């Protein structure tokens, strides 16, 4: 039986779109997620803009001394399946680890800030 909460996210399911990349915070540690696989530099540009304009931070590290080279290795491509959350809960969706062969899996780019 199919899980009725499983869905394919689009830009309206994310917190914002920057430079054509739908992005959102992801998890409780401040990680960020972008729909699609993007080059690290392009993803970091979108994550930085998201941090500044949506979250009110200096940058994704919230550190004016942070340098791109210190974070480029924290960008990862992976695949997730997405599920709707409880409308009365703390989250609107969750991403569960998958691989590219998992039915309904979506390619994503993640910035691991932890």
Protein backbone atom coordinates (compact mmCIF):
# COMPACT_ATOMS: atom_id res chain seq x y z
CA UNK A 1 0.00 0.00 0.00
CA UNK A 2 1.37 3.43 -0.95
CA UNK A 3 2.05 5.99 1.77
CA UNK A 4 -0.43 8.81 1.13
CA UNK A 5 1.84 11.33 2.82
CA UNK A 6 4.63 10.80 0.25
CA UNK A 7 4.94 13.68 -2.22
CA UNK A 8 7.22 15.33 -4.75
CA UNK A 9 8.26 18.76 -3.44
CA UNK A 10 8.53 21.87 -5.56
CA UNK A 11 9.54 25.48 -4.91
CA UNK A 12 6.32 26.25 -3.00
CA UNK A 13 7.18 23.54 -0.47
CA UNK A 14 10.54 25.14 0.32
CA UNK A 15 11.15 28.27 2.41
CA UNK A 16 12.42 30.34 -0.54
CA UNK A 17 14.01 30.28 -3.98
CA UNK A 18 17.34 32.01 -4.53
CA UNK A 19 19.09 32.20 -7.90
CA UNK A 20 16.51 29.75 -9.24
CA UNK A 21 17.25 27.16 -6.54
CA UNK A 22 14.48 26.19 -4.09
CA UNK A 23 16.03 26.02 -0.59
CA UNK A 24 15.01 25.34 2.97
CA UNK A 25 16.56 24.72 6.34
CA UNK A 26 16.77 21.00 7.03
CA UNK A 27 16.86 19.32 10.41
CA UNK A 28 17.52 20.82 13.80
CA UNK A 29 21.23 21.60 13.42
CA UNK A 30 20.80 24.39 10.86
CA UNK A 31 21.63 22.34 7.78
CA UNK A 32 20.26 23.56 4.47
CA UNK A 33 18.75 21.68 1.57
CA UNK A 34 18.29 22.59 -2.09
CA UNK A 35 16.09 20.69 -4.50
CA UNK A 36 18.24 19.23 -7.27
CA UNK A 37 21.94 18.52 -7.58
CA UNK A 38 23.88 21.78 -7.93
CA UNK A 39 27.55 22.69 -8.05
CA UNK A 40 28.89 23.46 -4.58
CA UNK A 41 29.54 27.13 -5.40
CA UNK A 42 26.05 27.66 -6.82
CA UNK A 43 24.44 25.89 -3.85
CA UNK A 44 26.50 27.92 -1.36
CA UNK A 45 25.44 31.15 -3.07
CA UNK A 46 21.77 30.16 -2.67
CA UNK A 47 22.30 29.03 0.94
CA UNK A 48 24.13 32.25 1.82
CA UNK A 49 21.37 34.39 0.36
CA UNK A 50 18.78 32.32 2.23
CA UNK A 51 20.67 32.80 5.49
CA UNK A 52 20.86 36.57 4.96
CA UNK A 53 17.42 37.33 3.57
CA UNK A 54 15.17 34.70 5.15
CA UNK A 55 16.90 33.76 8.39
CA UNK A 56 18.47 37.15 9.24
CA UNK A 57 21.98 35.72 9.67
CA UNK A 58 25.30 37.15 8.47
CA UNK A 59 25.73 34.07 6.24
CA UNK A 60 24.98 30.36 6.53
CA UNK A 61 27.71 30.03 9.18
CA UNK A 62 26.51 33.24 10.91
CA UNK A 63 30.16 34.22 11.00
CA UNK A 64 31.51 37.21 9.06
CA UNK A 65 34.94 35.51 8.93
CA UNK A 66 33.59 32.35 7.25
CA UNK A 67 35.27 31.60 3.94
CA UNK A 68 33.94 29.59 1.01
CA UNK A 69 36.90 27.21 1.07
CA UNK A 70 36.07 26.25 4.66
CA UNK A 71 32.58 25.07 3.64
CA UNK A 72 32.84 23.73 0.11
CA UNK A 73 33.51 20.18 1.37
CA UNK A 74 30.31 20.29 3.45
CA UNK A 75 28.14 20.27 0.31
CA UNK A 76 26.77 16.82 -0.50
CA UNK A 77 24.55 15.39 -3.22
CA UNK A 78 22.09 12.74 -2.11
CA UNK A 79 18.56 11.51 -2.72
CA UNK A 80 15.54 11.78 -0.42
CA UNK A 81 11.91 10.75 -0.42
CA UNK A 82 9.60 13.41 0.98
CA UNK A 83 6.64 12.97 3.30
CA UNK A 84 4.12 15.52 4.49
CA UNK A 85 4.19 16.30 8.18
CA UNK A 86 1.41 16.81 10.65
CA UNK A 87 -0.27 20.13 9.74
CA UNK A 88 -0.50 20.88 13.48
CA UNK A 89 3.06 19.75 14.18
CA UNK A 90 6.47 21.38 14.13
CA UNK A 91 7.35 20.49 10.54
CA UNK A 92 5.55 20.56 7.21
CA UNK A 93 7.59 17.80 5.56
CA UNK A 94 10.45 15.44 6.19
CA UNK A 95 13.07 14.00 3.89
CA UNK A 96 14.04 10.38 4.34
CA UNK A 97 17.32 8.96 2.96
CA UNK A 98 16.94 7.12 -0.33
CA UNK A 99 18.95 6.31 -3.42
CA UNK A 100 18.31 7.23 -7.01
CA UNK A 101 16.50 3.94 -7.64
CA UNK A 102 13.99 4.42 -4.80
CA UNK A 103 10.53 5.16 -6.22
CA UNK A 104 9.77 8.85 -5.75
CA UNK A 105 13.33 9.77 -4.72
CA UNK A 106 14.34 13.38 -5.40
CA UNK A 107 17.93 14.60 -5.94
CA UNK A 108 18.96 17.17 -3.35
CA UNK A 109 22.03 19.16 -2.38
CA UNK A 110 22.67 19.45 1.36
CA UNK A 111 24.92 21.79 3.33
CA UNK A 112 25.95 20.08 6.55
CA UNK A 113 26.76 22.84 9.05
CA UNK A 114 26.97 20.58 12.12
